N, C-alpha and C. Protein backbone atom coordinates (compact mmCIF):
# COMPACT_ATOMS: atom_id res chain seq x y z
N MET A 1 21.57 28.74 9.96
CA MET A 1 20.75 28.52 8.78
C MET A 1 19.51 27.64 9.16
N GLU A 2 18.33 28.16 8.86
CA GLU A 2 17.12 27.45 9.16
C GLU A 2 16.77 26.47 8.08
N SER A 3 16.53 25.19 8.44
CA SER A 3 16.13 24.21 7.41
C SER A 3 14.62 24.01 7.44
N LYS A 4 14.03 23.98 6.29
CA LYS A 4 12.61 23.71 6.17
C LYS A 4 12.39 22.23 5.98
N GLU A 5 11.23 21.80 6.48
CA GLU A 5 10.86 20.36 6.24
C GLU A 5 10.17 20.25 4.88
N PHE A 6 10.33 19.17 4.24
CA PHE A 6 9.67 18.90 2.95
C PHE A 6 8.16 18.74 3.22
N THR A 7 7.36 19.34 2.35
CA THR A 7 5.85 19.16 2.41
C THR A 7 5.38 19.03 0.97
N ILE A 8 4.34 18.24 0.82
CA ILE A 8 3.63 18.12 -0.44
C ILE A 8 2.88 19.42 -0.73
N THR A 9 3.06 20.00 -1.85
CA THR A 9 2.25 21.22 -2.20
C THR A 9 1.31 20.92 -3.30
N ASP A 10 0.38 21.81 -3.56
CA ASP A 10 -0.59 21.61 -4.60
C ASP A 10 -0.02 21.42 -6.00
N THR A 11 1.16 21.99 -6.20
CA THR A 11 1.84 21.89 -7.47
C THR A 11 2.31 20.48 -7.82
N LEU A 12 2.46 19.65 -6.74
CA LEU A 12 2.92 18.26 -6.97
C LEU A 12 1.78 17.30 -7.16
N LEU A 13 0.52 17.73 -6.81
CA LEU A 13 -0.63 16.79 -6.91
C LEU A 13 -0.90 16.35 -8.29
N ALA A 14 -1.29 15.08 -8.42
CA ALA A 14 -1.72 14.57 -9.73
C ALA A 14 -3.00 15.27 -10.10
N SER A 15 -3.21 15.43 -11.42
CA SER A 15 -4.39 16.08 -11.90
C SER A 15 -5.62 15.20 -11.79
N LYS A 16 -6.79 15.82 -11.94
CA LYS A 16 -7.99 15.04 -11.91
C LYS A 16 -8.09 14.06 -13.03
N GLY A 17 -7.53 14.41 -14.18
CA GLY A 17 -7.45 13.48 -15.31
C GLY A 17 -6.61 12.25 -15.00
N ASP A 18 -5.52 12.48 -14.35
CA ASP A 18 -4.64 11.36 -13.97
C ASP A 18 -5.35 10.49 -12.97
N ARG A 19 -6.03 11.07 -12.00
CA ARG A 19 -6.77 10.36 -10.99
C ARG A 19 -7.90 9.50 -11.58
N PHE A 20 -8.59 10.11 -12.57
CA PHE A 20 -9.68 9.41 -13.26
C PHE A 20 -9.16 8.24 -14.04
N LEU A 21 -8.01 8.46 -14.73
CA LEU A 21 -7.40 7.42 -15.54
C LEU A 21 -6.91 6.30 -14.58
N ASN A 22 -6.36 6.68 -13.44
CA ASN A 22 -5.91 5.64 -12.43
C ASN A 22 -7.12 4.78 -12.03
N CYS A 23 -8.25 5.45 -11.78
CA CYS A 23 -9.42 4.69 -11.36
C CYS A 23 -9.89 3.71 -12.46
N LEU A 24 -9.96 4.22 -13.67
CA LEU A 24 -10.39 3.35 -14.80
C LEU A 24 -9.47 2.14 -14.99
N ILE A 25 -8.15 2.45 -15.14
CA ILE A 25 -7.20 1.37 -15.39
C ILE A 25 -7.18 0.37 -14.26
N ASP A 26 -7.13 0.89 -13.01
CA ASP A 26 -7.06 -0.04 -11.87
C ASP A 26 -8.37 -0.90 -11.78
N SER A 27 -9.54 -0.30 -12.11
CA SER A 27 -10.75 -1.06 -12.08
C SER A 27 -10.67 -2.19 -13.07
N LEU A 28 -10.18 -1.87 -14.32
CA LEU A 28 -10.08 -2.91 -15.37
C LEU A 28 -9.13 -3.96 -14.89
N ILE A 29 -7.97 -3.64 -14.32
CA ILE A 29 -6.98 -4.60 -13.90
C ILE A 29 -7.57 -5.49 -12.80
N VAL A 30 -8.25 -4.91 -11.79
CA VAL A 30 -8.87 -5.70 -10.76
C VAL A 30 -9.94 -6.63 -11.37
N TYR A 31 -10.72 -6.17 -12.30
CA TYR A 31 -11.72 -7.04 -13.01
C TYR A 31 -11.09 -8.19 -13.70
N ILE A 32 -9.95 -7.89 -14.39
CA ILE A 32 -9.26 -8.99 -15.12
C ILE A 32 -8.68 -10.01 -14.11
N ILE A 33 -8.12 -9.53 -12.99
CA ILE A 33 -7.60 -10.43 -11.97
C ILE A 33 -8.75 -11.29 -11.41
N TRP A 34 -9.86 -10.63 -11.10
CA TRP A 34 -11.01 -11.31 -10.52
C TRP A 34 -11.57 -12.41 -11.50
N ILE A 35 -11.77 -12.09 -12.70
CA ILE A 35 -12.15 -13.03 -13.76
C ILE A 35 -11.15 -14.16 -13.92
N SER A 36 -9.85 -13.84 -13.89
CA SER A 36 -8.82 -14.83 -14.06
C SER A 36 -8.83 -15.83 -12.84
N ILE A 37 -9.00 -15.36 -11.68
CA ILE A 37 -9.07 -16.22 -10.48
C ILE A 37 -10.23 -17.20 -10.63
N GLY A 38 -11.42 -16.64 -10.95
CA GLY A 38 -12.61 -17.51 -11.11
C GLY A 38 -12.40 -18.57 -12.22
N THR A 39 -11.83 -18.13 -13.35
CA THR A 39 -11.58 -19.06 -14.47
C THR A 39 -10.57 -20.09 -14.07
N THR A 40 -9.54 -19.70 -13.36
CA THR A 40 -8.50 -20.67 -12.95
C THR A 40 -9.08 -21.77 -11.98
N ILE A 41 -9.93 -21.25 -11.05
CA ILE A 41 -10.57 -22.24 -10.13
C ILE A 41 -11.46 -23.19 -10.91
N ILE A 42 -12.20 -22.68 -11.82
CA ILE A 42 -13.06 -23.53 -12.66
C ILE A 42 -12.25 -24.55 -13.46
N LEU A 43 -11.18 -24.09 -14.08
CA LEU A 43 -10.31 -25.00 -14.83
C LEU A 43 -9.67 -26.12 -13.95
N ILE A 44 -9.18 -25.70 -12.84
CA ILE A 44 -8.58 -26.67 -11.92
C ILE A 44 -9.64 -27.65 -11.41
N ALA A 45 -10.80 -27.16 -11.13
CA ALA A 45 -11.90 -28.02 -10.71
C ALA A 45 -12.32 -28.99 -11.75
N ASP A 46 -12.34 -28.57 -12.99
CA ASP A 46 -12.68 -29.45 -14.12
C ASP A 46 -11.60 -30.50 -14.35
N ILE A 47 -10.37 -30.08 -14.23
CA ILE A 47 -9.23 -31.01 -14.40
C ILE A 47 -9.23 -32.09 -13.32
N ALA A 48 -9.56 -31.67 -12.10
CA ALA A 48 -9.62 -32.50 -10.92
C ALA A 48 -10.98 -33.27 -10.83
N ASN A 49 -11.83 -33.05 -11.82
CA ASN A 49 -13.14 -33.68 -11.86
C ASN A 49 -14.00 -33.33 -10.65
N ASN A 50 -13.88 -32.11 -10.18
CA ASN A 50 -14.59 -31.64 -8.99
C ASN A 50 -15.72 -30.69 -9.54
N THR A 51 -16.82 -31.36 -9.98
CA THR A 51 -17.91 -30.58 -10.57
C THR A 51 -18.59 -29.68 -9.50
N ALA A 52 -18.60 -30.10 -8.22
CA ALA A 52 -19.24 -29.34 -7.23
C ALA A 52 -18.59 -27.94 -7.08
N LEU A 53 -17.23 -27.88 -7.08
CA LEU A 53 -16.56 -26.62 -6.95
C LEU A 53 -16.74 -25.80 -8.21
N SER A 54 -16.67 -26.45 -9.40
CA SER A 54 -16.93 -25.73 -10.62
C SER A 54 -18.31 -25.13 -10.67
N ASP A 55 -19.30 -25.89 -10.31
CA ASP A 55 -20.69 -25.41 -10.30
C ASP A 55 -20.89 -24.28 -9.29
N ARG A 56 -20.22 -24.42 -8.16
CA ARG A 56 -20.35 -23.37 -7.08
C ARG A 56 -19.85 -22.00 -7.62
N ILE A 57 -18.69 -22.07 -8.30
CA ILE A 57 -18.16 -20.79 -8.83
C ILE A 57 -19.09 -20.23 -9.90
N GLU A 58 -19.55 -21.09 -10.79
CA GLU A 58 -20.41 -20.66 -11.89
C GLU A 58 -21.80 -20.17 -11.44
N CYS A 59 -22.23 -20.57 -10.25
CA CYS A 59 -23.56 -20.23 -9.75
C CYS A 59 -23.55 -19.24 -8.57
N MET A 60 -22.53 -18.43 -8.52
CA MET A 60 -22.42 -17.48 -7.38
C MET A 60 -23.61 -16.45 -7.52
N THR A 61 -24.03 -16.01 -6.41
CA THR A 61 -25.06 -14.97 -6.36
C THR A 61 -24.44 -13.62 -6.62
N PRO A 62 -25.28 -12.60 -6.97
CA PRO A 62 -24.70 -11.24 -7.17
C PRO A 62 -23.99 -10.76 -5.94
N ILE A 63 -24.49 -11.09 -4.75
CA ILE A 63 -23.86 -10.59 -3.54
C ILE A 63 -22.46 -11.28 -3.39
N GLU A 64 -22.38 -12.55 -3.71
CA GLU A 64 -21.10 -13.25 -3.67
C GLU A 64 -20.12 -12.68 -4.67
N HIS A 65 -20.61 -12.37 -5.85
CA HIS A 65 -19.81 -11.70 -6.88
C HIS A 65 -19.23 -10.40 -6.33
N CYS A 66 -20.11 -9.55 -5.72
CA CYS A 66 -19.66 -8.32 -5.17
C CYS A 66 -18.62 -8.46 -4.06
N LEU A 67 -18.87 -9.38 -3.19
CA LEU A 67 -17.96 -9.67 -2.08
C LEU A 67 -16.60 -10.18 -2.57
N SER A 68 -16.60 -11.08 -3.51
CA SER A 68 -15.38 -11.65 -3.97
C SER A 68 -14.57 -10.59 -4.75
N PHE A 69 -15.28 -9.72 -5.54
CA PHE A 69 -14.65 -8.63 -6.23
C PHE A 69 -13.99 -7.62 -5.22
N ALA A 70 -14.77 -7.34 -4.13
CA ALA A 70 -14.23 -6.44 -3.12
C ALA A 70 -12.96 -7.01 -2.47
N VAL A 71 -12.91 -8.31 -2.24
CA VAL A 71 -11.70 -8.89 -1.66
C VAL A 71 -10.54 -8.74 -2.60
N VAL A 72 -10.74 -9.04 -3.87
CA VAL A 72 -9.65 -8.91 -4.89
C VAL A 72 -9.24 -7.47 -4.99
N MET A 73 -10.18 -6.54 -4.99
CA MET A 73 -9.82 -5.12 -5.03
C MET A 73 -8.99 -4.69 -3.77
N MET A 74 -9.45 -5.12 -2.65
CA MET A 74 -8.77 -4.79 -1.43
C MET A 74 -7.30 -5.29 -1.41
N LEU A 75 -7.13 -6.52 -1.78
CA LEU A 75 -5.80 -7.15 -1.81
C LEU A 75 -4.93 -6.44 -2.87
N TYR A 76 -5.49 -6.11 -4.02
CA TYR A 76 -4.71 -5.44 -5.04
C TYR A 76 -4.15 -4.08 -4.54
N TYR A 77 -5.04 -3.25 -4.00
CA TYR A 77 -4.58 -1.95 -3.54
C TYR A 77 -3.65 -2.08 -2.35
N LEU A 78 -3.94 -2.98 -1.42
CA LEU A 78 -3.07 -3.10 -0.26
C LEU A 78 -1.68 -3.57 -0.63
N ILE A 79 -1.60 -4.61 -1.50
CA ILE A 79 -0.29 -5.05 -1.85
C ILE A 79 0.49 -4.11 -2.72
N MET A 80 -0.16 -3.56 -3.73
CA MET A 80 0.55 -2.65 -4.63
C MET A 80 1.02 -1.36 -3.91
N GLU A 81 0.10 -0.74 -3.15
CA GLU A 81 0.45 0.55 -2.62
C GLU A 81 1.34 0.37 -1.32
N THR A 82 1.17 -0.77 -0.66
CA THR A 82 2.09 -0.93 0.55
C THR A 82 3.53 -1.21 0.08
N TYR A 83 3.69 -2.02 -0.93
CA TYR A 83 5.08 -2.34 -1.33
C TYR A 83 5.70 -1.44 -2.37
N PHE A 84 4.87 -0.87 -3.20
CA PHE A 84 5.39 -0.08 -4.35
C PHE A 84 5.01 1.43 -4.25
N SER A 85 4.17 1.83 -3.33
CA SER A 85 3.59 3.19 -3.27
C SER A 85 2.85 3.56 -4.52
N ARG A 86 2.47 2.59 -5.32
CA ARG A 86 1.69 2.82 -6.53
C ARG A 86 1.04 1.58 -7.08
N THR A 87 -0.02 1.74 -7.81
CA THR A 87 -0.64 0.63 -8.52
C THR A 87 -0.12 0.55 -9.96
N LEU A 88 -0.65 -0.44 -10.72
CA LEU A 88 -0.19 -0.51 -12.08
C LEU A 88 -0.61 0.73 -12.85
N ALA A 89 -1.74 1.22 -12.60
CA ALA A 89 -2.28 2.45 -13.26
C ALA A 89 -1.40 3.62 -12.90
N LYS A 90 -0.90 3.70 -11.69
CA LYS A 90 -0.03 4.78 -11.30
C LYS A 90 1.32 4.70 -11.98
N TYR A 91 1.79 3.47 -12.30
CA TYR A 91 2.97 3.39 -13.16
C TYR A 91 2.75 4.04 -14.50
N PHE A 92 1.60 3.78 -15.07
CA PHE A 92 1.23 4.33 -16.42
C PHE A 92 1.13 5.89 -16.37
N THR A 93 0.51 6.43 -15.32
CA THR A 93 0.31 7.87 -15.28
C THR A 93 1.51 8.56 -14.51
N LYS A 94 2.51 7.83 -14.22
CA LYS A 94 3.71 8.31 -13.52
C LYS A 94 3.40 9.12 -12.23
N THR A 95 2.50 8.52 -11.43
CA THR A 95 2.17 9.08 -10.16
C THR A 95 2.46 8.08 -9.02
N ILE A 96 2.65 8.61 -7.80
CA ILE A 96 2.80 7.73 -6.63
C ILE A 96 2.07 8.26 -5.44
N VAL A 97 1.95 7.40 -4.45
CA VAL A 97 1.22 7.81 -3.20
C VAL A 97 2.37 8.15 -2.22
N ALA A 98 2.20 9.24 -1.49
CA ALA A 98 3.15 9.66 -0.48
C ALA A 98 2.40 10.27 0.74
N MET A 99 3.11 10.36 1.79
CA MET A 99 2.58 11.09 2.97
C MET A 99 2.93 12.54 2.82
N ARG A 100 2.33 13.42 3.61
CA ARG A 100 2.55 14.87 3.49
C ARG A 100 3.99 15.28 3.59
N ASN A 101 4.80 14.60 4.35
CA ASN A 101 6.19 14.93 4.58
C ASN A 101 7.10 14.26 3.48
N GLY A 102 6.47 13.55 2.54
CA GLY A 102 7.22 12.99 1.42
C GLY A 102 7.69 11.58 1.70
N SER A 103 7.35 11.04 2.86
CA SER A 103 7.76 9.67 3.16
C SER A 103 6.79 8.67 2.55
N LYS A 104 7.23 7.37 2.50
CA LYS A 104 6.45 6.30 2.02
C LYS A 104 5.25 6.09 2.93
N PRO A 105 4.04 5.87 2.42
CA PRO A 105 2.90 5.64 3.31
C PRO A 105 3.03 4.44 4.15
N THR A 106 2.53 4.47 5.40
CA THR A 106 2.58 3.30 6.27
C THR A 106 1.54 2.28 5.83
N THR A 107 1.62 1.10 6.33
CA THR A 107 0.66 0.06 6.05
C THR A 107 -0.68 0.49 6.59
N ALA A 108 -0.76 1.13 7.75
CA ALA A 108 -1.95 1.57 8.32
C ALA A 108 -2.67 2.63 7.47
N ALA A 109 -1.87 3.55 6.90
CA ALA A 109 -2.38 4.62 6.00
C ALA A 109 -2.96 4.00 4.70
N ILE A 110 -2.26 2.98 4.19
CA ILE A 110 -2.74 2.32 3.01
C ILE A 110 -4.01 1.55 3.30
N LEU A 111 -4.08 0.90 4.46
CA LEU A 111 -5.31 0.19 4.84
C LEU A 111 -6.49 1.17 4.93
N LYS A 112 -6.28 2.27 5.57
CA LYS A 112 -7.36 3.31 5.66
C LYS A 112 -7.73 3.77 4.26
N ARG A 113 -6.76 4.03 3.44
CA ARG A 113 -6.95 4.49 2.08
C ARG A 113 -7.82 3.51 1.32
N THR A 114 -7.48 2.23 1.46
CA THR A 114 -8.16 1.15 0.73
C THR A 114 -9.61 0.97 1.22
N LEU A 115 -9.77 0.98 2.59
CA LEU A 115 -11.13 0.83 3.13
C LEU A 115 -12.04 2.00 2.73
N CYS A 116 -11.50 3.18 2.62
CA CYS A 116 -12.26 4.37 2.29
C CYS A 116 -12.84 4.28 0.85
N ARG A 117 -12.16 3.51 0.01
CA ARG A 117 -12.64 3.33 -1.35
C ARG A 117 -13.96 2.63 -1.40
N PHE A 118 -14.38 1.98 -0.28
CA PHE A 118 -15.66 1.25 -0.25
C PHE A 118 -16.79 2.12 0.26
N ILE A 119 -16.54 3.36 0.64
CA ILE A 119 -17.56 4.27 1.01
C ILE A 119 -18.42 4.64 -0.15
N PRO A 120 -19.71 4.42 -0.06
CA PRO A 120 -20.63 4.72 -1.22
C PRO A 120 -20.44 6.17 -1.74
N PHE A 121 -20.31 6.34 -3.00
CA PHE A 121 -20.14 7.59 -3.65
C PHE A 121 -18.85 8.29 -3.34
N GLU A 122 -17.88 7.58 -2.82
CA GLU A 122 -16.59 8.15 -2.51
C GLU A 122 -15.87 8.72 -3.79
N ALA A 123 -16.11 8.06 -4.89
CA ALA A 123 -15.50 8.55 -6.14
C ALA A 123 -16.00 9.97 -6.47
N LEU A 124 -17.16 10.37 -6.04
CA LEU A 124 -17.66 11.69 -6.33
C LEU A 124 -16.98 12.76 -5.56
N THR A 125 -16.14 12.43 -4.52
CA THR A 125 -15.48 13.41 -3.74
C THR A 125 -14.37 14.09 -4.53
N PHE A 126 -14.11 13.60 -5.70
CA PHE A 126 -13.06 14.25 -6.56
C PHE A 126 -13.65 15.44 -7.35
N LEU A 127 -14.94 15.62 -7.27
CA LEU A 127 -15.55 16.66 -8.04
C LEU A 127 -15.29 18.04 -7.42
N GLY A 128 -14.73 18.12 -6.27
CA GLY A 128 -14.39 19.37 -5.64
C GLY A 128 -13.28 20.10 -6.35
N SER A 129 -12.77 21.17 -5.75
CA SER A 129 -11.78 21.99 -6.37
C SER A 129 -10.40 21.29 -6.40
N LYS A 130 -10.05 20.55 -5.37
CA LYS A 130 -8.80 19.86 -5.31
C LYS A 130 -8.93 18.45 -5.85
N SER A 131 -7.85 17.91 -6.36
CA SER A 131 -7.88 16.52 -6.88
C SER A 131 -7.56 15.50 -5.75
N ARG A 132 -8.19 15.69 -4.64
CA ARG A 132 -8.04 14.72 -3.51
C ARG A 132 -9.42 14.21 -3.15
N GLY A 133 -9.52 12.94 -2.93
CA GLY A 133 -10.83 12.32 -2.49
C GLY A 133 -10.68 11.95 -1.04
N TRP A 134 -11.80 11.39 -0.55
CA TRP A 134 -11.88 11.00 0.83
C TRP A 134 -10.82 9.96 1.18
N HIS A 135 -10.51 9.08 0.26
CA HIS A 135 -9.50 8.04 0.56
C HIS A 135 -8.15 8.67 0.75
N ASP A 136 -7.89 9.84 0.17
CA ASP A 136 -6.70 10.58 0.39
C ASP A 136 -6.73 11.31 1.73
N SER A 137 -7.83 12.07 1.93
CA SER A 137 -7.95 12.93 3.12
C SER A 137 -7.95 12.13 4.39
N PHE A 138 -8.75 11.07 4.43
CA PHE A 138 -8.85 10.31 5.70
C PHE A 138 -7.57 9.57 6.02
N SER A 139 -6.80 9.20 5.07
CA SER A 139 -5.57 8.46 5.27
C SER A 139 -4.34 9.39 5.31
N HIS A 140 -4.56 10.69 5.06
CA HIS A 140 -3.51 11.68 5.09
C HIS A 140 -2.41 11.36 4.04
N THR A 141 -2.80 10.87 2.91
CA THR A 141 -1.93 10.55 1.80
C THR A 141 -2.22 11.51 0.64
N TYR A 142 -1.21 11.50 -0.28
CA TYR A 142 -1.36 12.36 -1.49
C TYR A 142 -0.91 11.55 -2.68
N VAL A 143 -1.57 11.75 -3.83
CA VAL A 143 -1.12 11.17 -5.08
C VAL A 143 -0.48 12.28 -5.83
N VAL A 144 0.86 12.08 -6.12
CA VAL A 144 1.64 13.18 -6.72
C VAL A 144 2.25 12.69 -8.00
N LYS A 145 2.67 13.71 -8.85
CA LYS A 145 3.41 13.35 -10.06
C LYS A 145 4.83 12.93 -9.63
N ARG A 146 5.25 11.78 -10.01
CA ARG A 146 6.50 11.17 -9.47
C ARG A 146 7.72 12.04 -9.78
N HIS A 147 7.90 12.47 -10.98
CA HIS A 147 9.11 13.24 -11.38
C HIS A 147 9.19 14.63 -10.66
N LYS A 148 8.07 15.37 -10.54
CA LYS A 148 8.08 16.60 -9.84
C LYS A 148 8.38 16.38 -8.35
N PHE A 149 7.76 15.31 -7.80
CA PHE A 149 8.01 14.99 -6.42
C PHE A 149 9.43 14.69 -6.11
N ILE A 150 10.08 13.89 -6.96
CA ILE A 150 11.49 13.54 -6.75
C ILE A 150 12.34 14.76 -6.89
N GLU A 151 12.10 15.60 -7.89
CA GLU A 151 12.92 16.80 -8.07
C GLU A 151 12.78 17.72 -6.84
N LYS A 152 11.56 17.94 -6.35
CA LYS A 152 11.44 18.80 -5.14
C LYS A 152 12.07 18.17 -3.92
N LYS A 153 11.96 16.91 -3.77
CA LYS A 153 12.48 16.26 -2.60
C LYS A 153 13.99 16.34 -2.63
N GLN A 154 14.61 16.24 -3.84
CA GLN A 154 16.08 16.36 -3.92
C GLN A 154 16.54 17.80 -3.63
N LEU A 155 15.78 18.75 -3.90
CA LEU A 155 16.10 20.11 -3.57
C LEU A 155 16.18 20.31 -2.08
N TYR A 156 15.30 19.63 -1.32
CA TYR A 156 15.34 19.74 0.12
C TYR A 156 16.42 18.94 0.72
N ALA A 157 16.85 17.88 0.10
CA ALA A 157 17.93 17.01 0.56
C ALA A 157 19.28 17.63 0.31
N ALA A 158 19.42 18.34 -0.83
CA ALA A 158 20.71 18.83 -1.25
C ALA A 158 21.31 19.81 -0.25
N PRO A 159 20.60 20.80 0.35
CA PRO A 159 21.22 21.69 1.32
C PRO A 159 21.75 21.00 2.55
N LEU A 160 21.05 19.94 2.94
CA LEU A 160 21.45 19.17 4.13
C LEU A 160 22.72 18.43 3.93
N GLU A 161 22.97 17.97 2.70
CA GLU A 161 24.17 17.25 2.33
C GLU A 161 25.41 18.20 2.36
N MET A 162 25.18 19.49 2.13
CA MET A 162 26.33 20.42 2.08
C MET A 162 26.85 20.75 3.49
N LEU A 163 26.10 20.52 4.55
CA LEU A 163 26.49 20.83 5.91
C LEU A 163 27.57 19.95 6.37
């Protein structure tokens, strides 16, 4: 009996709508985290009577704002997708990140995926026919509907258990 290897198919991929919703929700969450960190630093500085630190945070340049936001965004995606294979938005849309063979993405793949998000106009790469962007293609990862993915993966595991 010939056994086939599990592979992600187009039927498992998350829709463009899910992907767009993931982007919106994750952007909002990263923004809230970023604002919370800045506010916490200012509050702690004020309590410690450290006006220099408080003033420094309040007077950041636009470039410093962008860089600090990018750091928070990078940490958010790296931590969430490395440990959970999903972000908070992906919990909401019931999607996960997986490798082509159905395995959990490696840290290197997640790092590539996260870095690709910083390519200018990368978000426009979803306008093509498939609902995969550059951060998926370059990292060889897929965002799939969790329940369909688990069902299909169990179908491939079941015949092996019978042997």
